[in-house]
Amino acid sequence: MNWDQIQGNWKIMKGKAQENWGELTDDDLDKAEGNRDQLEGAIQRRYGKSKEEARAEVDRWMAGS
């Protein structure tokens, strides 16, 4: 799945993102609104990950979606 598809189906994908990153709040995901940079930033803040680590996690999540 590519990011355009994720962004277009964000309401559905939001639940899948929360399953994958359980520490993300509804507010975190609502603020992201399908924006990859916002999602990566939320992962960085909640999990203490580097930008590169967060990007790699999102890449893996996208590949499995």
N, C-alpha and C. Protein backbone atom coordinates (compact mmCIF):
# COMPACT_ATOMS: atom_id res chain seq x y z
N MET A 1 0.85 -1.17 0.00
CA MET A 1 0.00 0.00 0.00
C MET A 1 0.90 1.23 0.00
N ASN A 2 0.52 2.22 -0.79
CA ASN A 2 1.31 3.44 -0.80
C ASN A 2 0.66 4.50 0.11
N TRP A 3 1.40 5.58 0.35
CA TRP A 3 0.93 6.56 1.32
C TRP A 3 -0.34 7.26 0.85
N ASP A 4 -0.51 7.48 -0.45
CA ASP A 4 -1.73 8.10 -0.95
C ASP A 4 -2.96 7.27 -0.59
N GLN A 5 -2.84 5.95 -0.67
CA GLN A 5 -3.94 5.07 -0.31
C GLN A 5 -4.22 5.14 1.19
N ILE A 6 -3.17 5.19 1.98
CA ILE A 6 -3.33 5.30 3.43
C ILE A 6 -4.01 6.61 3.78
N GLN A 7 -3.53 7.68 3.17
CA GLN A 7 -4.09 9.00 3.45
C GLN A 7 -5.57 9.06 3.04
N GLY A 8 -5.91 8.48 1.90
CA GLY A 8 -7.29 8.49 1.43
C GLY A 8 -8.23 7.66 2.28
N ASN A 9 -7.69 6.68 2.97
CA ASN A 9 -8.48 5.79 3.84
C ASN A 9 -8.11 5.98 5.31
N TRP A 10 -7.78 7.20 5.70
CA TRP A 10 -7.21 7.44 7.02
C TRP A 10 -8.13 6.98 8.15
N LYS A 11 -9.43 7.13 7.99
CA LYS A 11 -10.33 6.72 9.08
C LYS A 11 -10.19 5.23 9.37
N ILE A 12 -10.01 4.44 8.35
CA ILE A 12 -9.81 3.00 8.52
C ILE A 12 -8.40 2.73 9.01
N MET A 13 -7.43 3.39 8.39
CA MET A 13 -6.02 3.14 8.70
C MET A 13 -5.65 3.63 10.09
N LYS A 14 -6.38 4.62 10.57
CA LYS A 14 -6.12 5.16 11.91
C LYS A 14 -6.24 4.05 12.96
N GLY A 15 -7.26 3.21 12.83
CA GLY A 15 -7.43 2.09 13.76
C GLY A 15 -6.29 1.10 13.66
N LYS A 16 -5.85 0.84 12.44
CA LYS A 16 -4.72 -0.08 12.25
C LYS A 16 -3.44 0.51 12.82
N ALA A 17 -3.28 1.82 12.69
CA ALA A 17 -2.10 2.47 13.25
C ALA A 17 -2.12 2.37 14.77
N GLN A 18 -3.30 2.53 15.35
CA GLN A 18 -3.40 2.46 16.81
C GLN A 18 -3.15 1.03 17.31
N GLU A 19 -3.54 0.04 16.52
CA GLU A 19 -3.23 -1.34 16.88
C GLU A 19 -1.72 -1.56 16.88
N ASN A 20 -1.04 -0.97 15.92
CA ASN A 20 0.40 -1.15 15.78
C ASN A 20 1.17 -0.35 16.83
N TRP A 21 0.74 0.88 17.07
CA TRP A 21 1.40 1.76 18.04
C TRP A 21 0.39 2.11 19.12
N GLY A 22 0.22 1.22 20.07
CA GLY A 22 -0.80 1.35 21.09
C GLY A 22 -0.66 2.56 21.98
N GLU A 23 0.53 3.14 22.06
CA GLU A 23 0.71 4.32 22.91
C GLU A 23 0.25 5.60 22.24
N LEU A 24 -0.03 5.55 20.94
CA LEU A 24 -0.55 6.74 20.26
C LEU A 24 -1.99 6.95 20.67
N THR A 25 -2.32 8.17 20.99
CA THR A 25 -3.68 8.49 21.41
C THR A 25 -4.54 8.83 20.19
N ASP A 26 -5.85 8.86 20.40
CA ASP A 26 -6.76 9.30 19.33
C ASP A 26 -6.38 10.70 18.89
N ASP A 27 -6.00 11.54 19.85
CA ASP A 27 -5.62 12.91 19.54
C ASP A 27 -4.38 12.94 18.63
N ASP A 28 -3.38 12.10 18.94
CA ASP A 28 -2.18 12.01 18.10
C ASP A 28 -2.57 11.67 16.66
N LEU A 29 -3.44 10.68 16.52
CA LEU A 29 -3.82 10.20 15.20
C LEU A 29 -4.75 11.18 14.49
N ASP A 30 -5.59 11.88 15.24
CA ASP A 30 -6.44 12.90 14.64
C ASP A 30 -5.60 14.06 14.12
N LYS A 31 -4.59 14.43 14.86
CA LYS A 31 -3.70 15.51 14.42
C LYS A 31 -2.92 15.10 13.18
N ALA A 32 -2.55 13.85 13.08
CA ALA A 32 -1.79 13.38 11.92
C ALA A 32 -2.65 13.46 10.66
N GLU A 33 -3.94 13.17 10.76
CA GLU A 33 -4.88 13.25 9.63
C GLU A 33 -4.30 12.66 8.34
N GLY A 34 -3.58 11.58 8.46
CA GLY A 34 -3.02 10.94 7.27
C GLY A 34 -1.72 11.53 6.80
N ASN A 35 -1.17 12.49 7.53
CA ASN A 35 0.10 13.11 7.16
C ASN A 35 1.23 12.27 7.72
N ARG A 36 2.05 11.74 6.84
CA ARG A 36 3.12 10.83 7.26
C ARG A 36 4.09 11.49 8.23
N ASP A 37 4.50 12.73 7.96
CA ASP A 37 5.43 13.41 8.85
C ASP A 37 4.85 13.58 10.24
N GLN A 38 3.56 13.89 10.32
CA GLN A 38 2.90 14.04 11.62
C GLN A 38 2.86 12.71 12.36
N LEU A 39 2.57 11.63 11.64
CA LEU A 39 2.53 10.31 12.26
C LEU A 39 3.91 9.93 12.77
N GLU A 40 4.93 10.14 11.96
CA GLU A 40 6.29 9.82 12.39
C GLU A 40 6.69 10.65 13.60
N GLY A 41 6.28 11.93 13.62
CA GLY A 41 6.58 12.78 14.77
C GLY A 41 5.92 12.28 16.04
N ALA A 42 4.68 11.82 15.93
CA ALA A 42 3.97 11.29 17.10
C ALA A 42 4.66 10.03 17.60
N ILE A 43 5.12 9.18 16.69
CA ILE A 43 5.84 7.95 17.08
C ILE A 43 7.13 8.33 17.78
N GLN A 44 7.83 9.32 17.26
CA GLN A 44 9.07 9.76 17.89
C GLN A 44 8.81 10.23 19.33
N ARG A 45 7.78 11.05 19.51
CA ARG A 45 7.49 11.60 20.84
C ARG A 45 7.05 10.52 21.82
N ARG A 46 6.14 9.66 21.40
CA ARG A 46 5.58 8.66 22.32
C ARG A 46 6.55 7.54 22.65
N TYR A 47 7.39 7.20 21.69
CA TYR A 47 8.28 6.04 21.88
C TYR A 47 9.74 6.40 22.04
N GLY A 48 10.09 7.68 21.96
CA GLY A 48 11.47 8.10 22.12
C GLY A 48 12.38 7.59 21.01
N LYS A 49 11.85 7.51 19.81
CA LYS A 49 12.62 6.98 18.68
C LYS A 49 13.20 8.12 17.87
N SER A 50 14.25 7.79 17.12
CA SER A 50 14.82 8.78 16.22
C SER A 50 13.93 8.92 15.00
N LYS A 51 14.17 9.97 14.23
CA LYS A 51 13.40 10.19 13.00
C LYS A 51 13.56 9.00 12.06
N GLU A 52 14.78 8.48 11.95
CA GLU A 52 15.05 7.35 11.06
C GLU A 52 14.33 6.09 11.54
N GLU A 53 14.32 5.86 12.85
CA GLU A 53 13.62 4.68 13.39
C GLU A 53 12.12 4.78 13.15
N ALA A 54 11.56 5.96 13.36
CA ALA A 54 10.12 6.15 13.14
C ALA A 54 9.78 5.95 11.67
N ARG A 55 10.60 6.48 10.77
CA ARG A 55 10.37 6.33 9.33
C ARG A 55 10.42 4.86 8.95
N ALA A 56 11.39 4.11 9.48
CA ALA A 56 11.52 2.68 9.17
C ALA A 56 10.29 1.91 9.68
N GLU A 57 9.80 2.27 10.85
CA GLU A 57 8.61 1.60 11.39
C GLU A 57 7.39 1.86 10.51
N VAL A 58 7.23 3.09 10.05
CA VAL A 58 6.09 3.42 9.19
C VAL A 58 6.23 2.68 7.86
N ASP A 59 7.45 2.58 7.34
CA ASP A 59 7.68 1.82 6.10
C ASP A 59 7.24 0.37 6.27
N ARG A 60 7.62 -0.25 7.39
CA ARG A 60 7.24 -1.64 7.66
C ARG A 60 5.74 -1.76 7.81
N TRP A 61 5.12 -0.83 8.49
CA TRP A 61 3.67 -0.83 8.68
C TRP A 61 2.95 -0.72 7.35
N MET A 62 3.44 0.16 6.48
CA MET A 62 2.83 0.33 5.17
C MET A 62 2.95 -0.96 4.35
N ALA A 63 4.08 -1.62 4.44
CA ALA A 63 4.29 -2.85 3.67
C ALA A 63 3.35 -3.94 4.13
N GLY A 64 2.99 -3.93 5.40
CA GLY A 64 2.10 -4.96 5.93
C GLY A 64 0.63 -4.62 5.82
N SER A 65 0.33 -3.40 5.42
CA SER A 65 -1.08 -2.96 5.32
C SER A 65 -1.71 -3.38 4.03
